[in-house]
Structure formats: structure tokens, C-alpha cells
Amino acid sequence: MPVYEYKALDIRGKNLKGIINAESVSAARQKLRETNLFPSDLRETSAKEKGTIPAGRSVGTFLFKRIGLREVSIMTRQLSTLLSAGLPLIASLEALIPQTNNPQLKKTLAQIKEAINEGGSLAGSISYYPKIFSKFYINMVKAGEASGALDIVLERLADFNEDQQALHGRIKAALAYPLFMFLIGSFVLFFLTTFIVPEITGIFSEMHQTLPGITLFLISASSFLKSFWAVILLVVIGGSAVLKYAFTKTIRGQYILDRIKLKIPLFGPLIHKMSVARFSRTLGTLLQSGVPMLTALSIVKNVVDNRLIADAIANASQDVEEGQNLSATLSRSGIFPAIATQMISAGEHSGMLEKMLYKVADSLENEVESDITMLTSMLEPVMILIMGLLVGFIVISILLPIFEMNQLIR
């Protein structure tokens, strides 16, 4: 059944927009009138339109707000619940569409339902939307359809997405306070040095007094910032843009950045553990859902977000294809922690690889949270100390000439 996007007026004259399923344009208009809506614009949309527009963008992408991962997780869990209750896929989607709050996701679900009505599979239909449904998501759904356990696979998908969101949320919450302190402290220091210090030190220049070295340094730094702060800001913004392009748009730059991420003091081990944890949890979820090992590895290498680790996974995939154990080839890469490869090896020998992968992910994620808690507890006093020293330097630089003047007067 075609899907129509409409703009209409209700009986109070309020502008509304949305989507509706109908056999034809006239049937769509009739349906709207029956609900006391008077259409001003009505156009048909279709999932097949994806061949004529950029990948992952439906016709209404620019009209509606972006679809977040949380909304996809909620939709996935609701669909799993409906399917596990015994409803057919089409009926489940029809029940799900009115419950969806995001207009773009609602429209996408309607187009997916239309594609399935025309004989497509759920995995094939959602593959039209790569910006909404990742390759990992699509292959999980494909495995669920092939095994006849789509509701279970969708539940695992929802659990996986929610666990990842919860972990990222805890990390962001732990880092929010130190980052806030850094921004506020930097702003206060910039304001003091650029606007307050010149007003005070201007008195010293009028007295023609010989000033201490630290006071002269403070005056020079303050004058420089006051005169060139706009230039400095432009240089920082321009330099950041150039570095971002070099590190994200070029292959060599991406490798350099990913190597730096793993080697940077304090934060490098955290990033390393998070990447390996994501690898373990994603691979375990795929294997548990029936995705073949080689296919699962090809998917996982695209979700670890580090080219060095992705290359190690790609090499492991080749070795596994030749009949080697996953744990052995991962151990030879030197990228994966010994405890992780040992647990994977135990899982391979016991036939519980998926369970061991989950344990590796749980262990590393717990370590990450503990490390972040310890790191933030260290960062806060260090930042306070640094800010105190800088403010103390400014205060001493201003007070020293005043003390010297008092001694001369005496």
C-alpha cells in the first residue's frame, strides 16, 4: 500500500503534517477528511525512492528531526515485544507506527512496511536506510529472519544498544565536571589576563618604577593577549580545522591519529580497553544471533573505530578462514590484551565462545569505569592546583611592585 506524506489543517485551522497509508491519492484524501483533517499538500513516498537520493536519506530527512540511537532502540524493543506476542511482522509494524513519536522514524517504518508488503524481507527493507540502521543492525536482523528467531534477535539488539548508550552516558557524566571546570577556569584566566590585569598594571607604567621580572612578563603576556586575542582565536580555529581534515580525511592521518589515541598517557589505555570491549560485545552478539564467524568479523572491524585494531581483526579473519583459531591470531597481533585472548581461547575450546566474549566485554567495561572514576578523582585536584598556581602567579606579579613601593616610602 502506498505511503503518502501530507500537510493538512484541522478543524481549528492548525497546520499539521504526517504520513498515511492508502490505496490511492483520493483514498488518502478521504481518510484524512474522515479524521477532520483537510489536506493542503499530499505526495506519495516510497522506499524505492532510495535509488534516486543520497544513501540513508529519505525524502523527509530535511523536514524532520534526526533519528537518534535511543529512538531506534525503543522501536527495536517494541517490535520484538509485538513479534514475541505472536503478531505477524506487517501487523507489528502497523501497530508500531502510531506509537512512534519521531515523524521521520514513523515515515521510515511506513516505507519499510510497504517494501515488505511488496515481497521484501525486513533486512532488505531496512538496508535502504544505512544512516539509521547500521551494517551490524542489518546483519543481525538478517540472521534473525534466517533462523526464525527474529523477536529474540531484536531483543538482543535492543539490549546491546541500551548497554552501549548506558556505558557512554556514564563515561560522559564522569568527565562532565572536570571539563566544565577546565572551561570555566580557562575563561576566568583569559578574562583576568586580558581585561583586569592591564587596568591594574597601567598604574605601574605611570610611576616609571623598575618592575620585577615576573610583573614585566605578566604585562607583556597581557598586552599580547589583549592585542592579538582575535588572531589567536582564528589561528586556533584554523589549526583545528586543518588538523581535523588531516587526521580524519586522509588514510595516513587516520592511522597516525589512531596510533596516538592508543599511546597517549592516561587516556590511551582507556580508549584501547573500550575498543576491545566493543569488539568483544559486538562479536558475541553477532555469533549468538547466528551470524557466521567470517561475516561477523567483517562487520566488527567497522565498529571498533580504530584502524590499527580493525587491521588486526581483518588479519584475524584471513587466518580464521585458513583454519586457525581466533584467539591465536588475535594474540599474535599484539593489540589485544593477554587476558582477552586467553578467555577467547577458553571459549573456543569449551564451545562457549559467545559467553566468553561477553565476559571479556563486561570485564573491560568495568575496568574502564573504574579507571575513569580514578582519573576524574585525580584530575579535579590537579586542575584546582594548576588554576590556583596561575591565579597566584597573577596576584604575586601585581603585589610585588606594591610591596616594593611601600618599602621605598618607608
Protein backbone atom coordinates (compact mmCIF):
# COMPACT_ATOMS: atom_id res chain seq x y z
CA MET A 1 0.00 0.00 0.00
CA PRO A 2 1.47 3.38 -0.94
CA VAL A 3 2.64 5.79 1.74
CA TYR A 4 1.65 9.45 1.46
CA GLU A 5 3.20 12.45 3.17
CA TYR A 6 0.65 15.16 3.90
CA LYS A 7 0.23 18.67 5.17
CA ALA A 8 -3.24 19.50 6.41
CA LEU A 9 -5.41 21.82 8.50
CA ASP A 10 -7.53 20.59 11.38
CA ILE A 11 -10.96 21.99 12.30
CA ARG A 12 -9.26 24.72 14.39
CA GLY A 13 -7.12 25.80 11.44
CA LYS A 14 -3.88 24.38 12.91
CA ASN A 15 -1.20 23.20 10.45
CA LEU A 16 -0.35 19.51 10.77
CA LYS A 17 1.89 17.17 8.83
CA GLY A 18 2.44 13.42 8.85
CA ILE A 19 2.11 10.23 6.85
CA ILE A 20 -0.79 8.00 5.92
CA ASN A 21 -1.26 4.67 4.09
CA ALA A 22 -3.90 4.50 1.38
CA GLU A 23 -4.66 2.75 -1.90
CA SER A 24 -4.59 6.00 -3.89
CA VAL A 25 -4.39 9.77 -3.58
CA SER A 26 -8.16 10.08 -3.46
CA ALA A 27 -8.38 7.37 -0.80
CA ALA A 28 -5.74 9.19 1.24
CA ARG A 29 -7.71 12.45 0.98
CA GLN A 30 -10.86 10.63 2.05
CA LYS A 31 -9.12 9.08 5.05
CA LEU A 32 -7.86 12.48 6.14
CA ARG A 33 -11.28 14.09 5.79
CA GLU A 34 -12.81 11.32 7.90
CA THR A 35 -10.45 12.37 10.71
CA ASN A 36 -11.42 16.05 10.28
CA LEU A 37 -8.19 16.93 8.51
CA PHE A 38 -8.21 18.97 5.29
CA PRO A 39 -5.10 18.30 3.18
CA SER A 40 -3.25 21.20 1.58
CA ASP A 41 -0.40 19.07 0.21
CA LEU A 42 -0.31 15.33 -0.44
CA ARG A 43 2.51 13.43 -2.10
CA GLU A 44 3.44 9.78 -2.38
CA THR A 45 6.74 8.48 -0.99
CA SER A 46 8.27 5.07 -1.41
CA ALA A 47 11.19 3.08 -0.09
CA LYS A 48 12.21 2.55 -3.71
CA GLU A 49 13.00 6.24 -3.95
CA LYS A 50 16.28 5.48 -2.22
CA GLY A 51 17.89 4.76 -5.55
CA THR A 52 17.49 8.41 -6.58
CA ILE A 53 18.54 10.19 -3.38
CA PRO A 54 21.65 10.04 -1.18
CA ALA A 55 22.08 6.83 0.75
CA GLY A 56 20.36 6.80 4.09
CA ARG A 57 18.22 9.87 3.44
CA SER A 58 14.55 9.63 2.78
CA VAL A 59 12.60 12.44 1.17
CA GLY A 60 11.66 13.90 4.52
CA THR A 61 15.10 13.86 6.15
CA PHE A 62 15.46 17.61 5.79
CA LEU A 63 11.93 18.24 7.04
CA PHE A 64 12.05 16.17 10.22
CA LYS A 65 14.46 15.91 13.11
CA ARG A 66 17.25 13.38 13.03
CA ILE A 67 16.63 9.86 14.34
CA GLY A 68 18.69 9.11 17.44
CA LEU A 69 20.07 5.75 18.57
CA ARG A 70 17.81 5.81 21.62
CA GLU A 71 14.69 6.07 19.44
CA VAL A 72 15.89 3.16 17.29
CA SER A 73 16.50 1.10 20.45
CA ILE A 74 12.99 1.81 21.76
CA MET A 75 11.46 0.93 18.39
CA THR A 76 13.50 -2.29 18.23
CA ARG A 77 12.37 -3.43 21.68
CA GLN A 78 8.73 -2.62 20.92
CA LEU A 79 8.89 -4.57 17.66
CA SER A 80 10.48 -7.51 19.48
CA THR A 81 7.68 -7.46 22.07
CA LEU A 82 4.97 -7.41 19.39
CA LEU A 83 6.57 -10.28 17.46
CA SER A 84 7.07 -12.38 20.59
CA ALA A 85 3.36 -11.91 21.34
CA GLY A 86 2.58 -13.74 18.11
CA LEU A 87 1.73 -10.85 15.77
CA PRO A 88 2.90 -11.13 12.15
CA LEU A 89 5.60 -8.71 11.03
CA ILE A 90 3.27 -6.50 8.97
CA ALA A 91 0.73 -6.28 11.79
CA SER A 92 3.52 -5.50 14.27
CA LEU A 93 4.76 -2.63 12.11
CA GLU A 94 1.21 -1.31 11.70
CA ALA A 95 0.79 -1.33 15.48
CA LEU A 96 4.21 0.27 15.98
CA ILE A 97 3.85 3.21 13.56
CA PRO A 98 1.20 5.14 15.57
CA GLN A 99 3.28 4.72 18.77
CA THR A 100 6.37 6.28 17.21
CA ASN A 101 6.86 9.93 18.16
CA ASN A 102 9.65 10.86 15.75
CA PRO A 103 7.99 11.85 12.43
CA GLN A 104 10.97 10.75 10.34
CA LEU A 105 11.15 7.34 12.04
CA LYS A 106 7.39 6.97 11.65
CA LYS A 107 7.68 7.67 7.93
CA THR A 108 10.63 5.28 7.62
CA LEU A 109 8.69 2.48 9.31
CA ALA A 110 5.75 3.07 6.95
CA GLN A 111 8.07 2.81 3.95
CA ILE A 112 9.65 -0.37 5.37
CA LYS A 113 6.19 -1.87 5.81
CA GLU A 114 5.35 -1.00 2.21
CA ALA A 115 8.56 -2.65 0.96
CA ILE A 116 7.77 -5.83 2.96
CA ASN A 117 4.22 -5.80 1.59
CA GLU A 118 5.73 -5.85 -1.89
CA GLY A 119 7.63 -9.04 -1.07
CA GLY A 120 10.84 -7.78 0.52
CA SER A 121 12.43 -9.00 3.74
CA LEU A 122 12.85 -6.85 6.84
CA ALA A 123 16.65 -6.89 6.48
CA GLY A 124 16.42 -5.94 2.82
CA SER A 125 13.95 -3.16 3.55
CA ILE A 126 15.95 -1.53 6.34
CA SER A 127 19.11 -1.70 4.20
CA TYR A 128 17.65 1.28 2.26
CA TYR A 129 18.41 3.36 5.38
CA PRO A 130 22.13 2.91 6.23
CA LYS A 131 22.20 6.19 8.18
CA ILE A 132 19.53 4.87 10.52
CA PHE A 133 20.29 1.13 10.61
CA SER A 134 23.97 0.18 10.76
CA LYS A 135 25.53 -2.76 8.94
CA PHE A 136 25.66 -4.51 12.30
CA TYR A 137 21.90 -3.98 12.79
CA ILE A 138 21.03 -5.15 9.27
CA ASN A 139 23.08 -8.36 9.54
CA MET A 140 21.60 -9.14 12.93
CA VAL A 141 18.10 -8.82 11.50
CA LYS A 142 19.10 -10.96 8.52
CA ALA A 143 20.37 -13.68 10.87
CA GLY A 144 17.16 -13.46 12.91
CA GLU A 145 14.99 -13.90 9.82
CA ALA A 146 17.09 -16.83 8.61
CA SER A 147 16.92 -18.61 11.98
CA GLY A 148 13.22 -17.88 12.60
CA ALA A 149 14.04 -16.13 15.86
CA LEU A 150 13.63 -12.51 14.79
CA ASP A 151 11.97 -11.46 18.06
CA ILE A 152 14.89 -12.82 20.12
CA VAL A 153 17.48 -11.18 17.87
CA LEU A 154 15.66 -7.84 18.05
CA GLU A 155 15.63 -8.09 21.84
CA ARG A 156 19.39 -8.71 21.82
CA LEU A 157 19.83 -5.74 19.52
CA ALA A 158 17.87 -3.51 21.89
CA ASP A 159 19.89 -4.81 24.87
CA PHE A 160 23.16 -4.20 23.01
CA ASN A 161 22.25 -0.64 22.02
CA GLU A 162 20.99 0.21 25.51
CA ASP A 163 24.15 -1.20 27.15
CA GLN A 164 26.34 0.87 24.83
CA GLN A 165 24.30 4.01 25.49
CA ALA A 166 24.43 3.43 29.24
CA LEU A 167 28.22 2.97 29.17
CA HIS A 168 28.75 6.12 27.10
CA GLY A 169 26.37 8.02 29.37
CA ARG A 170 28.33 7.03 32.49
CA ILE A 171 31.62 8.00 30.86
CA LYS A 172 30.26 11.38 29.75
CA ALA A 173 28.83 12.02 33.21
CA ALA A 174 32.18 11.22 34.84
CA LEU A 175 34.06 13.58 32.51
CA ALA A 176 31.49 16.39 32.54
CA TYR A 177 32.62 18.03 35.80
CA PRO A 178 36.38 18.17 35.01
CA LEU A 179 35.60 19.51 31.54
CA PHE A 180 33.27 22.14 32.99
CA MET A 181 35.95 23.19 35.49
CA PHE A 182 38.53 23.45 32.72
CA LEU A 183 36.32 25.63 30.53
CA ILE A 184 35.27 27.95 33.36
CA GLY A 185 38.83 28.21 34.71
CA SER A 186 40.23 28.97 31.26
CA PHE A 187 37.61 31.67 30.70
CA VAL A 188 38.32 33.27 34.09
CA LEU A 189 42.09 33.29 33.48
CA PHE A 190 41.62 34.73 29.99
CA PHE A 191 39.31 37.45 31.34
CA LEU A 192 41.71 38.34 34.18
CA THR A 193 44.78 38.45 31.94
CA THR A 194 43.15 40.31 29.05
CA PHE A 195 40.90 42.86 30.77
CA ILE A 196 41.64 43.15 34.51
CA VAL A 197 45.45 42.95 34.63
CA PRO A 198 46.05 45.79 32.08
CA GLU A 199 43.89 48.16 34.17
CA ILE A 200 45.93 47.45 37.30
CA THR A 201 49.39 47.30 35.73
CA GLY A 202 48.72 50.58 33.89
CA ILE A 203 49.30 52.33 37.24
CA PHE A 204 52.85 50.96 37.42
CA SER A 205 53.82 52.29 33.99
CA GLU A 206 52.72 55.80 35.02
CA MET A 207 55.08 55.73 38.04
CA HIS A 208 58.14 54.92 35.91
CA GLN A 209 59.20 52.39 38.52
CA THR A 210 61.54 49.46 37.83
CA LEU A 211 59.31 46.41 37.94
CA PRO A 212 60.14 42.80 38.92
CA GLY A 213 60.71 40.30 36.10
CA ILE A 214 57.51 38.32 36.71
CA THR A 215 55.48 41.52 36.62
CA LEU A 216 57.05 42.51 33.30
CA PHE A 217 56.34 39.05 31.96
CA LEU A 218 52.69 39.30 33.08
CA ILE A 219 52.33 42.76 31.49
CA SER A 220 53.86 41.50 28.20
CA ALA A 221 51.61 38.42 28.13
CA SER A 222 48.57 40.51 28.99
CA SER A 223 49.33 43.10 26.28
CA PHE A 224 49.89 40.35 23.73
CA LEU A 225 46.59 38.64 24.55
CA LYS A 226 44.67 41.90 24.55
CA SER A 227 46.10 42.95 21.18
CA PHE A 228 46.01 39.63 19.38
CA TRP A 229 43.29 37.52 21.05
CA ALA A 230 41.18 37.57 17.88
CA VAL A 231 44.17 36.45 15.78
CA ILE A 232 44.97 33.71 18.31
CA LEU A 233 41.35 32.55 18.21
CA LEU A 234 41.39 32.42 14.40
CA VAL A 235 44.71 30.56 14.40
CA VAL A 236 43.34 28.02 16.90
CA ILE A 237 40.14 27.52 14.88
CA GLY A 238 42.03 27.32 11.58
CA GLY A 239 44.64 24.98 13.00
CA SER A 240 41.94 22.76 14.45
CA ALA A 241 40.19 22.60 11.05
CA VAL A 242 43.44 21.70 9.28
CA LEU A 243 44.31 19.03 11.84
CA LYS A 244 40.78 17.62 11.71
CA TYR A 245 40.99 17.32 7.93
CA ALA A 246 44.46 15.75 8.08
CA PHE A 247 43.52 13.25 10.79
CA THR A 248 40.01 12.31 9.59
CA LYS A 249 40.00 12.71 5.79
CA THR A 250 43.33 11.11 4.88
CA ILE A 251 44.22 7.45 5.38
CA ARG A 252 47.69 8.21 6.71
CA GLY A 253 46.32 10.81 9.10
CA GLN A 254 43.73 8.35 10.41
CA TYR A 255 46.42 5.79 11.16
CA ILE A 256 48.56 8.41 12.91
CA LEU A 257 45.61 9.62 14.99
CA ASP A 258 44.55 6.10 15.95
CA ARG A 259 48.13 5.27 16.97
CA ILE A 260 48.26 8.44 19.08
CA LYS A 261 44.94 7.53 20.69
CA LEU A 262 46.35 4.21 21.88
CA LYS A 263 49.66 5.68 23.08
CA ILE A 264 48.53 8.93 24.74
CA PRO A 265 49.25 8.88 28.51
CA LEU A 266 46.32 8.18 30.85
CA PHE A 267 43.66 8.16 28.12
CA GLY A 268 45.34 5.70 25.72
CA PRO A 269 44.71 2.59 27.85
CA LEU A 270 41.09 3.68 28.35
CA ILE A 271 40.49 4.03 24.61
CA HIS A 272 42.23 0.70 24.00
CA LYS A 273 40.05 -1.13 26.53
CA MET A 274 36.87 0.47 25.19
CA SER A 275 37.68 -0.59 21.62
CA VAL A 276 38.45 -4.18 22.64
CA ALA A 277 35.28 -4.27 24.78
CA ARG A 278 33.21 -3.07 21.83
CA PHE A 279 34.83 -5.72 19.62
CA SER A 280 34.07 -8.47 22.14
CA ARG A 281 30.45 -7.48 22.82
CA THR A 282 29.61 -6.91 19.16
CA LEU A 283 31.21 -10.18 18.03
CA GLY A 284 29.50 -12.09 20.84
CA THR A 285 26.11 -10.61 19.94
CA LEU A 286 26.53 -11.43 16.24
CA LEU A 287 27.69 -15.02 16.87
CA GLN A 288 24.91 -15.64 19.40
CA SER A 289 22.38 -14.47 16.80
CA GLY A 290 23.62 -16.95 14.21
CA VAL A 291 25.85 -14.76 12.06
CA PRO A 292 28.79 -16.80 10.64
CA MET A 293 32.21 -16.06 12.11
CA LEU A 294 33.77 -14.58 8.95
CA THR A 295 30.75 -12.35 8.30
CA ALA A 296 30.74 -11.29 11.95
CA LEU A 297 34.43 -10.35 11.85
CA SER A 298 33.94 -8.29 8.67
CA ILE A 299 31.18 -6.35 10.47
CA VAL A 300 33.05 -5.94 13.76
CA LYS A 301 36.12 -4.38 12.14
CA ASN A 302 33.92 -1.46 11.09
CA VAL A 303 32.58 -0.73 14.59
CA VAL A 304 35.79 -0.63 16.67
CA ASP A 305 36.57 2.92 15.47
CA ASN A 306 40.35 2.34 15.32
CA ARG A 307 42.21 1.42 12.14
CA LEU A 308 45.02 -0.41 13.94
CA ILE A 309 42.55 -2.69 15.73
CA ALA A 310 40.46 -3.01 12.54
CA ASP A 311 43.55 -4.21 10.64
CA ALA A 312 44.26 -6.77 13.38
CA ILE A 313 40.67 -8.05 13.05
CA ALA A 314 40.97 -8.20 9.24
CA ASN A 315 44.17 -10.27 9.56
CA ALA A 316 42.43 -12.49 12.10
CA SER A 317 39.56 -13.01 9.65
CA GLN A 318 42.01 -14.22 6.99
CA ASP A 319 43.70 -16.59 9.43
CA VAL A 320 40.36 -17.96 10.64
CA GLU A 321 39.35 -18.55 7.02
CA GLU A 322 42.51 -20.64 6.66
CA GLY A 323 41.51 -22.74 9.68
CA GLN A 324 43.38 -21.07 12.54
CA ASN A 325 41.92 -20.26 15.94
CA LEU A 326 40.65 -16.72 16.53
CA SER A 327 42.46 -16.42 19.86
CA ALA A 328 45.84 -17.39 18.39
CA THR A 329 45.74 -14.83 15.58
CA LEU A 330 44.48 -12.09 17.89
CA SER A 331 47.29 -12.85 20.33
CA ARG A 332 49.91 -12.54 17.58
CA SER A 333 48.65 -9.07 16.64
CA GLY A 334 49.93 -7.62 19.91
CA ILE A 335 46.88 -5.32 20.01
CA PHE A 336 44.57 -7.41 22.17
CA PRO A 337 45.26 -7.83 25.92
CA ALA A 338 46.54 -11.23 27.00
CA ILE A 339 43.61 -11.78 29.38
CA ALA A 340 41.17 -11.19 26.50
CA THR A 341 42.86 -13.67 24.14
CA GLN A 342 43.14 -16.27 26.91
CA MET A 343 39.43 -16.02 27.70
CA ILE A 344 38.58 -16.22 23.98
CA SER A 345 40.81 -19.31 23.71
CA ALA A 346 38.99 -20.90 26.67
CA GLY A 347 35.68 -20.13 24.98
CA GLU A 348 36.80 -21.74 21.72
CA HIS A 349 37.91 -24.93 23.46
CA SER A 350 34.80 -25.17 25.65
CA GLY A 351 32.33 -24.32 22.89
CA MET A 352 31.15 -21.20 24.76
CA LEU A 353 32.86 -18.52 22.71
CA GLU A 354 29.90 -16.13 22.80
CA LYS A 355 29.67 -16.35 26.58
CA MET A 356 33.41 -15.70 26.97
CA LEU A 357 33.25 -12.72 24.62
CA TYR A 358 30.54 -11.22 26.80
CA LYS A 359 32.69 -11.80 29.87
CA VAL A 360 35.65 -10.09 28.20
CA ALA A 361 33.43 -7.10 27.36
CA ASP A 362 31.99 -6.94 30.90
CA SER A 363 35.46 -7.15 32.45
CA LEU A 364 36.95 -4.43 30.24
CA GLU A 365 33.95 -2.12 30.60
CA ASN A 366 34.14 -2.44 34.40
CA GLU A 367 37.86 -1.61 34.22
CA VAL A 368 37.10 1.42 32.05
CA GLU A 369 34.54 2.74 34.53
CA SER A 370 36.92 2.19 37.46
CA ASP A 371 39.78 3.87 35.60
CA ILE A 372 37.62 6.84 34.66
CA THR A 373 36.44 7.25 38.25
CA MET A 374 40.05 7.19 39.46
CA LEU A 375 41.17 9.52 36.65
CA THR A 376 38.47 12.10 37.36
CA SER A 377 39.22 11.96 41.09
CA MET A 378 42.84 12.79 40.19
CA LEU A 379 42.00 15.40 37.57
CA GLU A 380 39.85 17.56 39.83
CA PRO A 381 42.53 18.37 42.46
CA VAL A 382 45.23 18.69 39.77
CA MET A 383 43.11 21.19 37.84
CA ILE A 384 42.33 23.13 41.02
CA LEU A 385 46.06 23.19 41.85
CA ILE A 386 47.01 24.43 38.36
CA MET A 387 44.32 27.13 38.40
CA GLY A 388 45.42 28.17 41.89
CA LEU A 389 49.06 28.44 40.83
CA LEU A 390 48.17 30.54 37.78
CA VAL A 391 45.92 32.86 39.78
CA GLY A 392 48.61 33.02 42.49
CA PHE A 393 51.19 33.97 39.87
CA ILE A 394 48.95 36.83 38.68
CA VAL A 395 48.33 38.04 42.25
CA ILE A 396 52.04 37.91 43.21
CA SER A 397 53.03 39.66 39.98
CA ILE A 398 50.69 42.53 40.88
CA LEU A 399 51.51 42.68 44.60
CA LEU A 400 55.31 42.59 44.32
CA PRO A 401 55.63 46.14 42.89
CA ILE A 402 53.20 47.39 45.56
CA PHE A 403 55.35 45.88 48.34
CA GLU A 404 58.47 47.45 46.81
CA MET A 405 56.78 50.88 46.71
CA ASN A 406 55.86 50.54 50.41
CA GLN A 407 59.48 49.79 51.28
CA LEU A 408 60.69 52.83 49.30
CA ILE A 409 58.20 55.05 51.09
CA ARG A 410 59.46 53.85 54.47
